[in-house]
């Protein structure tokens, strides 16, 4: 849902009045983009995807490196 930042009447919803702070349904993406461009709606914040991170327990090692073997033994 997009937030209304400037009151207007929506002609595609039987001239329903949307006041500041109301929620506007985002069914029609082109209409929402137009209303954002015209300054009637605030851009909706999309949730950011979680960043992948290496777990602290996994250590990166070079291929073939074996730390358990004693070079002398």
N, C-alpha and C. Protein backbone atom coordinates (compact mmCIF):
# COMPACT_ATOMS: atom_id res chain seq x y z
N UNK A 1 0.83 -1.18 0.00
CA UNK A 1 0.00 0.00 0.00
C UNK A 1 0.88 1.25 0.00
N UNK A 2 0.48 2.21 -0.78
CA UNK A 2 1.21 3.47 -0.87
C UNK A 2 0.53 4.50 0.02
N UNK A 3 1.31 5.37 0.60
CA UNK A 3 0.78 6.43 1.47
C UNK A 3 0.45 7.66 0.64
N UNK A 4 -0.71 8.25 0.93
CA UNK A 4 -1.13 9.48 0.27
C UNK A 4 -0.46 10.66 0.96
N UNK A 5 0.20 11.52 0.18
CA UNK A 5 0.88 12.68 0.75
C UNK A 5 0.21 13.99 0.32
N UNK A 6 -0.74 13.91 -0.61
CA UNK A 6 -1.50 15.09 -1.04
C UNK A 6 -2.92 14.60 -1.41
N UNK A 7 -3.94 15.23 -0.83
CA UNK A 7 -5.32 14.79 -1.02
C UNK A 7 -5.72 14.90 -2.50
N UNK A 8 -6.51 13.92 -2.95
CA UNK A 8 -7.00 13.91 -4.33
C UNK A 8 -8.22 13.00 -4.43
N UNK A 9 -8.93 13.12 -5.55
CA UNK A 9 -10.05 12.23 -5.85
C UNK A 9 -9.61 11.31 -6.99
N UNK A 10 -9.78 10.02 -6.80
CA UNK A 10 -9.35 9.04 -7.80
C UNK A 10 -10.48 8.78 -8.78
N UNK A 11 -10.26 9.13 -10.01
CA UNK A 11 -11.31 8.99 -11.02
C UNK A 11 -11.58 7.54 -11.39
N UNK A 12 -10.61 6.65 -11.16
CA UNK A 12 -10.81 5.24 -11.47
C UNK A 12 -11.49 4.48 -10.33
N UNK A 13 -11.72 5.13 -9.20
CA UNK A 13 -12.40 4.52 -8.05
C UNK A 13 -13.67 5.30 -7.73
N UNK A 14 -14.43 5.67 -8.76
CA UNK A 14 -15.69 6.42 -8.61
C UNK A 14 -15.49 7.73 -7.85
N UNK A 15 -14.40 8.40 -8.13
CA UNK A 15 -14.06 9.68 -7.54
C UNK A 15 -13.98 9.63 -6.01
N UNK A 16 -13.50 8.51 -5.51
CA UNK A 16 -13.29 8.38 -4.07
C UNK A 16 -12.21 9.36 -3.64
N UNK A 17 -12.44 10.02 -2.49
CA UNK A 17 -11.48 10.99 -1.99
C UNK A 17 -10.46 10.28 -1.10
N UNK A 18 -9.18 10.50 -1.40
CA UNK A 18 -8.08 10.01 -0.59
C UNK A 18 -7.45 11.20 0.12
N UNK A 19 -7.43 11.14 1.45
CA UNK A 19 -6.85 12.22 2.26
C UNK A 19 -5.41 11.89 2.63
N UNK A 20 -4.70 12.89 3.10
CA UNK A 20 -3.31 12.71 3.51
C UNK A 20 -3.25 11.65 4.61
N UNK A 21 -2.36 10.68 4.44
CA UNK A 21 -2.18 9.62 5.42
C UNK A 21 -2.95 8.36 5.10
N UNK A 22 -3.89 8.43 4.15
CA UNK A 22 -4.64 7.24 3.75
C UNK A 22 -3.74 6.27 2.99
N UNK A 23 -4.18 5.03 2.91
CA UNK A 23 -3.48 4.01 2.14
C UNK A 23 -4.13 3.91 0.77
N UNK A 24 -3.32 3.85 -0.28
CA UNK A 24 -3.81 3.69 -1.64
C UNK A 24 -3.43 2.30 -2.12
N UNK A 25 -4.40 1.51 -2.63
CA UNK A 25 -4.07 0.15 -3.08
C UNK A 25 -3.15 0.17 -4.29
N UNK A 26 -2.21 -0.75 -4.31
CA UNK A 26 -1.22 -0.81 -5.39
C UNK A 26 -1.57 -1.89 -6.41
N UNK A 27 -2.84 -1.97 -6.80
CA UNK A 27 -3.27 -2.97 -7.77
C UNK A 27 -2.75 -2.64 -9.16
N UNK A 28 -2.82 -1.38 -9.55
CA UNK A 28 -2.40 -0.94 -10.88
C UNK A 28 -1.06 -0.23 -10.76
N UNK A 29 0.02 -0.91 -11.13
CA UNK A 29 1.38 -0.37 -10.96
C UNK A 29 1.60 0.90 -11.77
N UNK A 30 1.03 0.95 -12.98
CA UNK A 30 1.20 2.14 -13.82
C UNK A 30 0.53 3.36 -13.19
N UNK A 31 -0.66 3.15 -12.62
CA UNK A 31 -1.39 4.26 -11.99
C UNK A 31 -0.63 4.75 -10.76
N UNK A 32 -0.13 3.83 -9.97
CA UNK A 32 0.63 4.21 -8.77
C UNK A 32 1.87 4.98 -9.17
N UNK A 33 2.58 4.53 -10.21
CA UNK A 33 3.77 5.23 -10.67
C UNK A 33 3.42 6.65 -11.13
N UNK A 34 2.29 6.80 -11.82
CA UNK A 34 1.86 8.12 -12.27
C UNK A 34 1.55 9.03 -11.07
N UNK A 35 0.84 8.51 -10.07
CA UNK A 35 0.48 9.31 -8.90
C UNK A 35 1.71 9.68 -8.08
N UNK A 36 2.70 8.81 -8.04
CA UNK A 36 3.96 9.13 -7.35
C UNK A 36 4.66 10.26 -8.10
N UNK A 37 4.69 10.14 -9.43
CA UNK A 37 5.35 11.16 -10.25
C UNK A 37 4.68 12.52 -10.11
N UNK A 38 3.35 12.53 -9.98
CA UNK A 38 2.59 13.77 -9.85
C UNK A 38 2.61 14.33 -8.43
N UNK A 39 3.11 13.56 -7.47
CA UNK A 39 3.26 14.06 -6.11
C UNK A 39 2.08 13.77 -5.20
N UNK A 40 1.22 12.84 -5.56
CA UNK A 40 0.07 12.50 -4.71
C UNK A 40 0.38 11.37 -3.74
N UNK A 41 1.27 10.47 -4.14
CA UNK A 41 1.62 9.32 -3.32
C UNK A 41 3.11 9.33 -2.99
N UNK A 42 3.44 8.79 -1.82
CA UNK A 42 4.84 8.59 -1.46
C UNK A 42 5.28 7.25 -2.02
N UNK A 43 6.53 7.15 -2.44
CA UNK A 43 7.04 5.89 -2.95
C UNK A 43 7.03 4.86 -1.84
N UNK A 44 6.51 3.68 -2.16
CA UNK A 44 6.45 2.63 -1.15
C UNK A 44 7.84 2.06 -0.94
N UNK A 45 8.12 1.75 0.30
CA UNK A 45 9.43 1.19 0.64
C UNK A 45 9.33 -0.31 0.54
N UNK A 46 10.11 -0.88 -0.33
CA UNK A 46 10.13 -2.32 -0.49
C UNK A 46 11.11 -2.90 0.52
N UNK A 47 10.76 -4.02 1.11
CA UNK A 47 11.70 -4.62 2.06
C UNK A 47 12.97 -5.06 1.35
N UNK A 48 14.10 -4.73 1.95
CA UNK A 48 15.39 -5.07 1.35
C UNK A 48 15.68 -6.54 1.59
N UNK A 49 16.21 -7.22 0.60
CA UNK A 49 16.55 -8.64 0.81
C UNK A 49 17.69 -8.76 1.81
N UNK A 50 17.65 -9.82 2.58
CA UNK A 50 18.69 -10.04 3.59
C UNK A 50 20.01 -10.32 2.89
N UNK A 51 21.06 -9.70 3.39
CA UNK A 51 22.37 -9.90 2.79
C UNK A 51 22.94 -11.24 3.25
N UNK A 52 23.59 -11.91 2.32
CA UNK A 52 24.23 -13.17 2.68
C UNK A 52 25.56 -12.87 3.35
N UNK A 53 25.83 -13.58 4.39
CA UNK A 53 27.12 -13.42 5.06
C UNK A 53 27.63 -14.79 5.45
N UNK A 54 28.94 -14.90 5.49
CA UNK A 54 29.54 -16.17 5.87
C UNK A 54 29.38 -16.36 7.37
N UNK A 55 28.97 -17.55 7.78
CA UNK A 55 28.88 -17.79 9.22
C UNK A 55 30.27 -17.70 9.85
N UNK A 56 30.36 -17.23 11.07
CA UNK A 56 31.68 -17.05 11.70
C UNK A 56 32.39 -18.37 11.95
N UNK A 57 31.68 -19.49 11.98
CA UNK A 57 32.32 -20.77 12.26
C UNK A 57 33.05 -21.34 11.05
N UNK A 58 32.66 -20.94 9.87
CA UNK A 58 33.30 -21.48 8.67
C UNK A 58 34.50 -20.60 8.31
N UNK A 59 35.65 -21.23 8.23
CA UNK A 59 36.85 -20.52 7.84
C UNK A 59 37.19 -20.90 6.41
N UNK A 60 37.61 -19.92 5.64
CA UNK A 60 38.00 -20.21 4.27
C UNK A 60 39.44 -20.70 4.27
N UNK A 61 39.65 -21.79 3.54
CA UNK A 61 40.99 -22.35 3.43
C UNK A 61 41.31 -22.58 1.97
N UNK A 62 42.58 -22.62 1.68
CA UNK A 62 43.01 -22.90 0.32
C UNK A 62 42.78 -24.38 0.02
N UNK A 63 42.56 -24.66 -1.24
CA UNK A 63 42.37 -26.06 -1.63
C UNK A 63 43.65 -26.84 -1.35
N UNK A 64 43.47 -28.02 -0.83
CA UNK A 64 44.61 -28.89 -0.57
C UNK A 64 45.30 -28.61 0.75
N UNK A 65 44.94 -27.56 1.43
CA UNK A 65 45.57 -27.24 2.70
C UNK A 65 44.97 -28.13 3.78
N UNK A 66 45.84 -28.85 4.47
CA UNK A 66 45.38 -29.73 5.53
C UNK A 66 46.15 -29.35 6.78
N UNK A 67 45.48 -28.76 7.73
CA UNK A 67 46.16 -28.27 8.93
C UNK A 67 46.29 -29.33 10.01
N UNK A 68 45.60 -30.46 9.82
CA UNK A 68 45.65 -31.51 10.84
C UNK A 68 46.88 -32.42 10.72
N UNK A 69 47.53 -32.42 9.57
CA UNK A 69 48.67 -33.31 9.35
C UNK A 69 49.95 -32.61 9.78
N UNK A 70 50.76 -33.32 10.52
CA UNK A 70 52.04 -32.81 10.98
C UNK A 70 53.07 -33.00 9.87
N UNK A 71 53.77 -31.95 9.40
CA UNK A 71 54.72 -32.12 8.31
C UNK A 71 55.90 -33.02 8.69
N UNK A 72 56.20 -33.16 9.97
CA UNK A 72 57.33 -33.98 10.39
C UNK A 72 56.94 -35.44 10.56
N UNK A 73 55.68 -35.73 10.68
CA UNK A 73 55.31 -37.04 11.12
C UNK A 73 54.70 -37.93 10.19
